[in-house]
Amino acid sequence: MTERNATSADIRVDVHDPSSLTTYQRDQLRARTCAAGCGSRQLTHDGGYAYVRSGTEGARLGYAVRVCHNCLPLEGSS
């Protein structure tokens, strides 16, 4: 597992512009790396959704993302 840094933030926190996504963020959206940003590729839990802007009317497109066993899903965590 790697440390979180500016390029590996939790993808679920904001609505992202699809034209400015980094390769790492694209991997998070495609459930290849942990959505919470730790860098793990051993994904064991559903992680909720991450969103990108879609169109000009404020619409957004949601991606079902995954998290590793060390990172909690956003919803339901206390």
PDB file of N, CA and C in Angstrom:
ATOM      1  N   MET A   1       0.836  -1.165   0.000  1.00  0.00           N
ATOM      2  CA  MET A   1       0.000   0.000   0.000  1.00  0.00           C
ATOM      3  C   MET A   1       0.886   1.234   0.000  1.00  0.00           C
ATOM      4  N   THR A   2       0.440   2.292  -0.698  1.00  0.00           N
ATOM      5  CA  THR A   2       1.227   3.513  -0.761  1.00  0.00           C
ATOM      6  C   THR A   2       0.558   4.615   0.044  1.00  0.00           C
ATOM      7  N   GLU A   3       1.330   5.645   0.384  1.00  0.00           N
ATOM      8  CA  GLU A   3       0.781   6.788   1.099  1.00  0.00           C
ATOM      9  C   GLU A   3      -0.072   7.622   0.169  1.00  0.00           C
ATOM     10  N   ARG A   4      -1.091   8.253   0.738  1.00  0.00           N
ATOM     11  CA  ARG A   4      -1.913   9.154  -0.055  1.00  0.00           C
ATOM     12  C   ARG A   4      -1.145  10.437  -0.292  1.00  0.00           C
ATOM     13  N   ASN A   5      -1.342  11.011  -1.460  1.00  0.00           N
ATOM     14  CA  ASN A   5      -0.742  12.298  -1.778  1.00  0.00           C
ATOM     15  C   ASN A   5      -1.707  13.088  -2.643  1.00  0.00           C
ATOM     16  N   ALA A   6      -1.277  14.217  -3.139  1.00  0.00           N
ATOM     17  CA  ALA A   6      -2.167  15.096  -3.900  1.00  0.00           C
ATOM     18  C   ALA A   6      -2.726  14.429  -5.147  1.00  0.00           C
ATOM     19  N   THR A   7      -2.012  13.489  -5.732  1.00  0.00           N
ATOM     20  CA  THR A   7      -2.494  12.845  -6.951  1.00  0.00           C
ATOM     21  C   THR A   7      -3.284  11.580  -6.650  1.00  0.00           C
ATOM     22  N   SER A   8      -3.374  11.191  -5.390  1.00  0.00           N
ATOM     23  CA  SER A   8      -4.092   9.962  -5.061  1.00  0.00           C
ATOM     24  C   SER A   8      -5.160  10.208  -4.005  1.00  0.00           C
ATOM     25  N   ALA A   9      -5.919  11.286  -4.163  1.00  0.00           N
ATOM     26  CA  ALA A   9      -6.990  11.612  -3.234  1.00  0.00           C
ATOM     27  C   ALA A   9      -8.192  10.693  -3.450  1.00  0.00           C
ATOM     28  N   ASP A  10      -9.077  10.692  -2.474  1.00  0.00           N
ATOM     29  CA  ASP A  10     -10.310   9.912  -2.558  1.00  0.00           C
ATOM     30  C   ASP A  10     -11.137  10.422  -3.738  1.00  0.00           C
ATOM     31  N   ILE A  11     -11.379   9.574  -4.701  1.00  0.00           N
ATOM     32  CA  ILE A  11     -12.082   9.941  -5.933  1.00  0.00           C
ATOM     33  C   ILE A  11     -13.563  10.237  -5.680  1.00  0.00           C
ATOM     34  N   ARG A  12     -14.097   9.789  -4.540  1.00  0.00           N
ATOM     35  CA  ARG A  12     -15.527   9.932  -4.253  1.00  0.00           C
ATOM     36  C   ARG A  12     -15.898  11.288  -3.673  1.00  0.00           C
ATOM     37  N   VAL A  13     -14.919  12.112  -3.344  1.00  0.00           N
ATOM     38  CA  VAL A  13     -15.171  13.346  -2.607  1.00  0.00           C
ATOM     39  C   VAL A  13     -15.754  14.467  -3.469  1.00  0.00           C
ATOM     40  N   ASP A  14     -15.455  14.510  -4.739  1.00  0.00           N
ATOM     41  CA  ASP A  14     -15.853  15.636  -5.584  1.00  0.00           C
ATOM     42  C   ASP A  14     -16.443  15.118  -6.889  1.00  0.00           C
ATOM     43  N   VAL A  15     -17.084  16.006  -7.634  1.00  0.00           N
ATOM     44  CA  VAL A  15     -17.507  15.704  -9.005  1.00  0.00           C
ATOM     45  C   VAL A  15     -16.392  16.199  -9.910  1.00  0.00           C
ATOM     46  N   HIS A  16     -15.855  15.310 -10.725  1.00  0.00           N
ATOM     47  CA  HIS A  16     -14.655  15.599 -11.498  1.00  0.00           C
ATOM     48  C   HIS A  16     -14.965  15.932 -12.953  1.00  0.00           C
ATOM     49  N   ASP A  17     -14.089  16.728 -13.539  1.00  0.00           N
ATOM     50  CA  ASP A  17     -14.152  17.050 -14.962  1.00  0.00           C
ATOM     51  C   ASP A  17     -13.489  15.893 -15.709  1.00  0.00           C
ATOM     52  N   PRO A  18     -14.225  15.196 -16.571  1.00  0.00           N
ATOM     53  CA  PRO A  18     -13.647  14.024 -17.234  1.00  0.00           C
ATOM     54  C   PRO A  18     -12.436  14.337 -18.109  1.00  0.00           C
ATOM     55  N   SER A  19     -12.327  15.564 -18.599  1.00  0.00           N
ATOM     56  CA  SER A  19     -11.190  15.901 -19.463  1.00  0.00           C
ATOM     57  C   SER A  19      -9.909  16.168 -18.678  1.00  0.00           C
ATOM     58  N   SER A  20     -10.010  16.293 -17.352  1.00  0.00           N
ATOM     59  CA  SER A  20      -8.812  16.575 -16.560  1.00  0.00           C
ATOM     60  C   SER A  20      -8.456  15.441 -15.598  1.00  0.00           C
ATOM     61  N   LEU A  21      -9.032  14.258 -15.798  1.00  0.00           N
ATOM     62  CA  LEU A  21      -8.721  13.126 -14.932  1.00  0.00           C
ATOM     63  C   LEU A  21      -7.301  12.626 -15.182  1.00  0.00           C
ATOM     64  N   THR A  22      -6.611  12.306 -14.119  1.00  0.00           N
ATOM     65  CA  THR A  22      -5.283  11.709 -14.246  1.00  0.00           C
ATOM     66  C   THR A  22      -5.431  10.215 -14.531  1.00  0.00           C
ATOM     67  N   THR A  23      -4.346   9.583 -14.913  1.00  0.00           N
ATOM     68  CA  THR A  23      -4.360   8.133 -15.128  1.00  0.00           C
ATOM     69  C   THR A  23      -4.747   7.417 -13.844  1.00  0.00           C
ATOM     70  N   TYR A  24      -4.228   7.895 -12.713  1.00  0.00           N
ATOM     71  CA  TYR A  24      -4.553   7.283 -11.429  1.00  0.00           C
ATOM     72  C   TYR A  24      -6.052   7.398 -11.132  1.00  0.00           C
ATOM     73  N   GLN A  25      -6.654   8.556 -11.390  1.00  0.00           N
ATOM     74  CA  GLN A  25      -8.091   8.730 -11.154  1.00  0.00           C
ATOM     75  C   GLN A  25      -8.909   7.840 -12.081  1.00  0.00           C
ATOM     76  N   ARG A  26      -8.460   7.669 -13.293  1.00  0.00           N
ATOM     77  CA  ARG A  26      -9.171   6.771 -14.217  1.00  0.00           C
ATOM     78  C   ARG A  26      -9.130   5.323 -13.695  1.00  0.00           C
ATOM     79  N   ASP A  27      -7.989   4.924 -13.128  1.00  0.00           N
ATOM     80  CA  ASP A  27      -7.893   3.590 -12.525  1.00  0.00           C
ATOM     81  C   ASP A  27      -8.839   3.455 -11.338  1.00  0.00           C
ATOM     82  N   GLN A  28      -8.989   4.518 -10.547  1.00  0.00           N
ATOM     83  CA  GLN A  28      -9.929   4.487  -9.432  1.00  0.00           C
ATOM     84  C   GLN A  28     -11.360   4.345  -9.952  1.00  0.00           C
ATOM     85  N   LEU A  29     -11.728   5.082 -10.984  1.00  0.00           N
ATOM     86  CA  LEU A  29     -13.075   5.012 -11.543  1.00  0.00           C
ATOM     87  C   LEU A  29     -13.370   3.641 -12.138  1.00  0.00           C
ATOM     88  N   ARG A  30     -12.368   3.016 -12.698  1.00  0.00           N
ATOM     89  CA  ARG A  30     -12.545   1.699 -13.318  1.00  0.00           C
ATOM     90  C   ARG A  30     -12.382   0.557 -12.320  1.00  0.00           C
ATOM     91  N   ALA A  31     -12.287   0.903 -11.030  1.00  0.00           N
ATOM     92  CA  ALA A  31     -12.145  -0.085  -9.942  1.00  0.00           C
ATOM     93  C   ALA A  31     -10.891  -0.934 -10.110  1.00  0.00           C
ATOM     94  N   ARG A  32      -9.815  -0.306 -10.567  1.00  0.00           N
ATOM     95  CA  ARG A  32      -8.522  -0.988 -10.656  1.00  0.00           C
ATOM     96  C   ARG A  32      -7.666  -0.703  -9.424  1.00  0.00           C
ATOM     97  N   THR A  33      -7.892   0.465  -8.798  1.00  0.00           N
ATOM     98  CA  THR A  33      -7.211   0.822  -7.549  1.00  0.00           C
ATOM     99  C   THR A  33      -8.250   1.339  -6.563  1.00  0.00           C
ATOM    100  N   CYS A  34      -7.892   1.343  -5.296  1.00  0.00           N
ATOM    101  CA  CYS A  34      -8.794   1.731  -4.218  1.00  0.00           C
ATOM    102  C   CYS A  34      -9.308   3.162  -4.418  1.00  0.00           C
ATOM    103  N   ALA A  35     -10.624   3.341  -4.325  1.00  0.00           N
ATOM    104  CA  ALA A  35     -11.248   4.652  -4.504  1.00  0.00           C
ATOM    105  C   ALA A  35     -10.831   5.641  -3.428  1.00  0.00           C
ATOM    106  N   ALA A  36     -10.437   5.146  -2.253  1.00  0.00           N
ATOM    107  CA  ALA A  36     -10.044   6.028  -1.152  1.00  0.00           C
ATOM    108  C   ALA A  36      -8.671   6.643  -1.364  1.00  0.00           C
ATOM    109  N   GLY A  37      -7.911   6.162  -2.333  1.00  0.00           N
ATOM    110  CA  GLY A  37      -6.645   6.770  -2.684  1.00  0.00           C
ATOM    111  C   GLY A  37      -5.416   6.143  -2.066  1.00  0.00           C
ATOM    112  N   CYS A  38      -5.538   4.978  -1.448  1.00  0.00           N
ATOM    113  CA  CYS A  38      -4.368   4.367  -0.801  1.00  0.00           C
ATOM    114  C   CYS A  38      -3.455   3.660  -1.796  1.00  0.00           C
ATOM    115  N   GLY A  39      -3.967   3.367  -2.991  1.00  0.00           N
ATOM    116  CA  GLY A  39      -3.150   2.735  -4.014  1.00  0.00           C
ATOM    117  C   GLY A  39      -3.294   1.226  -4.102  1.00  0.00           C
ATOM    118  N   SER A  40      -4.020   0.625  -3.188  1.00  0.00           N
ATOM    119  CA  SER A  40      -4.169  -0.827  -3.181  1.00  0.00           C
ATOM    120  C   SER A  40      -4.907  -1.308  -4.422  1.00  0.00           C
ATOM    121  N   ARG A  41      -4.505  -2.460  -4.907  1.00  0.00           N
ATOM    122  CA  ARG A  41      -5.189  -3.112  -6.020  1.00  0.00           C
ATOM    123  C   ARG A  41      -5.946  -4.352  -5.543  1.00  0.00           C
ATOM    124  N   GLN A  42      -5.950  -4.586  -4.239  1.00  0.00           N
ATOM    125  CA  GLN A  42      -6.694  -5.711  -3.653  1.00  0.00           C
ATOM    126  C   GLN A  42      -8.003  -5.172  -3.097  1.00  0.00           C
ATOM    127  N   LEU A  43      -8.984  -5.062  -3.967  1.00  0.00           N
ATOM    128  CA  LEU A  43     -10.244  -4.416  -3.638  1.00  0.00           C
ATOM    129  C   LEU A  43     -11.244  -5.443  -3.116  1.00  0.00           C
ATOM    130  N   THR A  44     -11.750  -5.208  -1.920  1.00  0.00           N
ATOM    131  CA  THR A  44     -12.611  -6.191  -1.280  1.00  0.00           C
ATOM    132  C   THR A  44     -14.014  -5.695  -0.965  1.00  0.00           C
ATOM    133  N   HIS A  45     -14.248  -4.381  -1.002  1.00  0.00           N
ATOM    134  CA  HIS A  45     -15.552  -3.836  -0.618  1.00  0.00           C
ATOM    135  C   HIS A  45     -16.077  -2.875  -1.680  1.00  0.00           C
ATOM    136  N   ASP A  46     -17.406  -2.852  -1.806  1.00  0.00           N
ATOM    137  CA  ASP A  46     -18.019  -1.819  -2.625  1.00  0.00           C
ATOM    138  C   ASP A  46     -17.725  -0.482  -1.961  1.00  0.00           C
ATOM    139  N   GLY A  47     -17.370   0.505  -2.738  1.00  0.00           N
ATOM    140  CA  GLY A  47     -16.966   1.789  -2.185  1.00  0.00           C
ATOM    141  C   GLY A  47     -17.920   2.921  -2.471  1.00  0.00           C
ATOM    142  N   GLY A  48     -19.106   2.617  -2.944  1.00  0.00           N
ATOM    143  CA  GLY A  48     -20.043   3.679  -3.288  1.00  0.00           C
ATOM    144  C   GLY A  48     -19.835   4.126  -4.718  1.00  0.00           C
ATOM    145  N   TYR A  49     -19.987   5.423  -4.944  1.00  0.00           N
ATOM    146  CA  TYR A  49     -19.913   5.958  -6.291  1.00  0.00           C
ATOM    147  C   TYR A  49     -18.982   7.162  -6.352  1.00  0.00           C
ATOM    148  N   ALA A  50     -18.364   7.322  -7.506  1.00  0.00           N
ATOM    149  CA  ALA A  50     -17.586   8.515  -7.837  1.00  0.00           C
ATOM    150  C   ALA A  50     -18.263   9.131  -9.057  1.00  0.00           C
ATOM    151  N   TYR A  51     -18.198  10.451  -9.170  1.00  0.00           N
ATOM    152  CA  TYR A  51     -18.948  11.138 -10.219  1.00  0.00           C
ATOM    153  C   TYR A  51     -18.058  12.020 -11.086  1.00  0.00           C
ATOM    154  N   VAL A  52     -18.415  12.061 -12.371  1.00  0.00           N
ATOM    155  CA  VAL A  52     -17.786  12.980 -13.312  1.00  0.00           C
ATOM    156  C   VAL A  52     -18.902  13.807 -13.958  1.00  0.00           C
ATOM    157  N   ARG A  53     -18.556  15.024 -14.363  1.00  0.00           N
ATOM    158  CA  ARG A  53     -19.526  15.890 -15.028  1.00  0.00           C
ATOM    159  C   ARG A  53     -19.906  15.293 -16.371  1.00  0.00           C
ATOM    160  N   SER A  54     -21.172  15.510 -16.735  1.00  0.00           N
ATOM    161  CA  SER A  54     -21.665  14.997 -18.005  1.00  0.00           C
ATOM    162  C   SER A  54     -22.590  16.038 -18.623  1.00  0.00           C
ATOM    163  N   GLY A  55     -22.208  16.572 -19.736  1.00  0.00           N
ATOM    164  CA  GLY A  55     -23.036  17.572 -20.405  1.00  0.00           C
ATOM    165  C   GLY A  55     -22.864  18.955 -19.820  1.00  0.00           C
ATOM    166  N   THR A  56     -23.748  19.856 -20.205  1.00  0.00           N
ATOM    167  CA  THR A  56     -23.630  21.252 -19.787  1.00  0.00           C
ATOM    168  C   THR A  56     -24.686  21.679 -18.781  1.00  0.00           C
ATOM    169  N   GLU A  57     -25.611  20.836 -18.456  1.00  0.00           N
ATOM    170  CA  GLU A  57     -26.714  21.193 -17.575  1.00  0.00           C
ATOM    171  C   GLU A  57     -26.465  20.809 -16.121  1.00  0.00           C
ATOM    172  N   GLY A  58     -25.235  20.546 -15.754  1.00  0.00           N
ATOM    173  CA  GLY A  58     -24.935  20.153 -14.380  1.00  0.00           C
ATOM    174  C   GLY A  58     -25.169  18.679 -14.106  1.00  0.00           C
ATOM    175  N   ALA A  59     -25.372  17.899 -15.158  1.00  0.00           N
ATOM    176  CA  ALA A  59     -25.579  16.464 -14.984  1.00  0.00           C
ATOM    177  C   ALA A  59     -24.273  15.791 -14.592  1.00  0.00           C
ATOM    178  N   ARG A  60     -24.376  14.617 -14.007  1.00  0.00           N
ATOM    179  CA  ARG A  60     -23.176  13.875 -13.644  1.00  0.00           C
ATOM    180  C   ARG A  60     -23.383  12.393 -13.937  1.00  0.00           C
ATOM    181  N   LEU A  61     -22.286  11.723 -14.168  1.00  0.00           N
ATOM    182  CA  LEU A  61     -22.275  10.300 -14.473  1.00  0.00           C
ATOM    183  C   LEU A  61     -21.587   9.591 -13.315  1.00  0.00           C
ATOM    184  N   GLY A  62     -22.233   8.576 -12.749  1.00  0.00           N
ATOM    185  CA  GLY A  62     -21.685   7.874 -11.592  1.00  0.00           C
ATOM    186  C   GLY A  62     -21.000   6.570 -11.971  1.00  0.00           C
ATOM    187  N   TYR A  63     -19.904   6.293 -11.288  1.00  0.00           N
ATOM    188  CA  TYR A  63     -19.161   5.047 -11.449  1.00  0.00           C
ATOM    189  C   TYR A  63     -19.173   4.300 -10.113  1.00  0.00           C
ATOM    190  N   ALA A  64     -19.542   3.035 -10.133  1.00  0.00           N
ATOM    191  CA  ALA A  64     -19.440   2.209  -8.932  1.00  0.00           C
ATOM    192  C   ALA A  64     -17.960   1.916  -8.704  1.00  0.00           C
ATOM    193  N   VAL A  65     -17.451   2.273  -7.536  1.00  0.00           N
ATOM    194  CA  VAL A  65     -16.029   2.114  -7.233  1.00  0.00           C
ATOM    195  C   VAL A  65     -15.846   1.115  -6.099  1.00  0.00           C
ATOM    196  N   ARG A  66     -14.602   0.686  -5.897  1.00  0.00           N
ATOM    197  CA  ARG A  66     -14.284  -0.317  -4.877  1.00  0.00           C
ATOM    198  C   ARG A  66     -13.193   0.209  -3.959  1.00  0.00           C
ATOM    199  N   VAL A  67     -13.163  -0.320  -2.732  1.00  0.00           N
ATOM    200  CA  VAL A  67     -12.123   0.031  -1.772  1.00  0.00           C
ATOM    201  C   VAL A  67     -11.491  -1.247  -1.231  1.00  0.00           C
ATOM    202  N   CYS A  68     -10.287  -1.108  -0.674  1.00  0.00           N
ATOM    203  CA  CYS A  68      -9.577  -2.253  -0.103  1.00  0.00           C
ATOM    204  C   CYS A  68     -10.076  -2.518   1.319  1.00  0.00           C
ATOM    205  N   HIS A  69      -9.583  -3.557   1.945  1.00  0.00           N
ATOM    206  CA  HIS A  69     -10.043  -3.925   3.280  1.00  0.00           C
ATOM    207  C   HIS A  69      -9.588  -2.931   4.354  1.00  0.00           C
ATOM    208  N   ASN A  70      -8.599  -2.092   4.059  1.00  0.00           N
ATOM    209  CA  ASN A  70      -8.129  -1.087   5.036  1.00  0.00           C
ATOM    210  C   ASN A  70      -8.905   0.215   4.968  1.00  0.00           C
ATOM    211  N   CYS A  71      -9.606   0.463   3.909  1.00  0.00           N
ATOM    212  CA  CYS A  71     -10.332   1.717   3.721  1.00  0.00           C
ATOM    213  C   CYS A  71     -11.834   1.462   3.792  1.00  0.00           C
ATOM    214  N   LEU A  72     -12.523   2.329   4.483  1.00  0.00           N
ATOM    215  CA  LEU A  72     -13.958   2.168   4.664  1.00  0.00           C
ATOM    216  C   LEU A  72     -14.746   2.842   3.549  1.00  0.00           C
ATOM    217  N   PRO A  73     -15.913   2.282   3.221  1.00  0.00           N
ATOM    218  CA  PRO A  73     -16.801   2.989   2.301  1.00  0.00           C
ATOM    219  C   PRO A  73     -17.234   4.309   2.936  1.00  0.00           C
ATOM    220  N   LEU A  74     -17.562   5.320   2.154  1.00  0.00           N
ATOM    221  CA  LEU A  74     -17.996   6.612   2.697  1.00  0.00           C
ATOM    222  C   LEU A  74     -19.321   6.501   3.427  1.00  0.00           C
ATOM    223  N   GLU A  75     -20.315   5.871   2.822  1.00  0.00           N
ATOM    224  CA  GLU A  75     -21.611   5.771   3.456  1.00  0.00           C
ATOM    225  C   GLU A  75     -21.582   4.667   4.525  1.00  0.00           C
ATOM    226  N   GLY A  76     -22.187   4.969   5.662  1.00  0.00           N
ATOM    227  CA  GLY A  76     -22.259   3.974   6.719  1.00  0.00           C
ATOM    228  C   GLY A  76     -21.034   3.873   7.601  1.00  0.00           C
ATOM    229  N   SER A  77     -19.993   4.645   7.329  1.00  0.00           N
ATOM    230  CA  SER A  77     -18.810   4.584   8.184  1.00  0.00           C
ATOM    231  C   SER A  77     -19.002   5.534   9.343  1.00  0.00           C
ATOM    232  N   SER A  78     -18.489   5.144  10.495  1.00  0.00           N
ATOM    233  CA  SER A  78     -18.654   6.010  11.660  1.00  0.00           C
ATOM    234  C   SER A  78     -17.329   6.328  12.293  1.00  0.00           C
TER     235      SER A  78
END
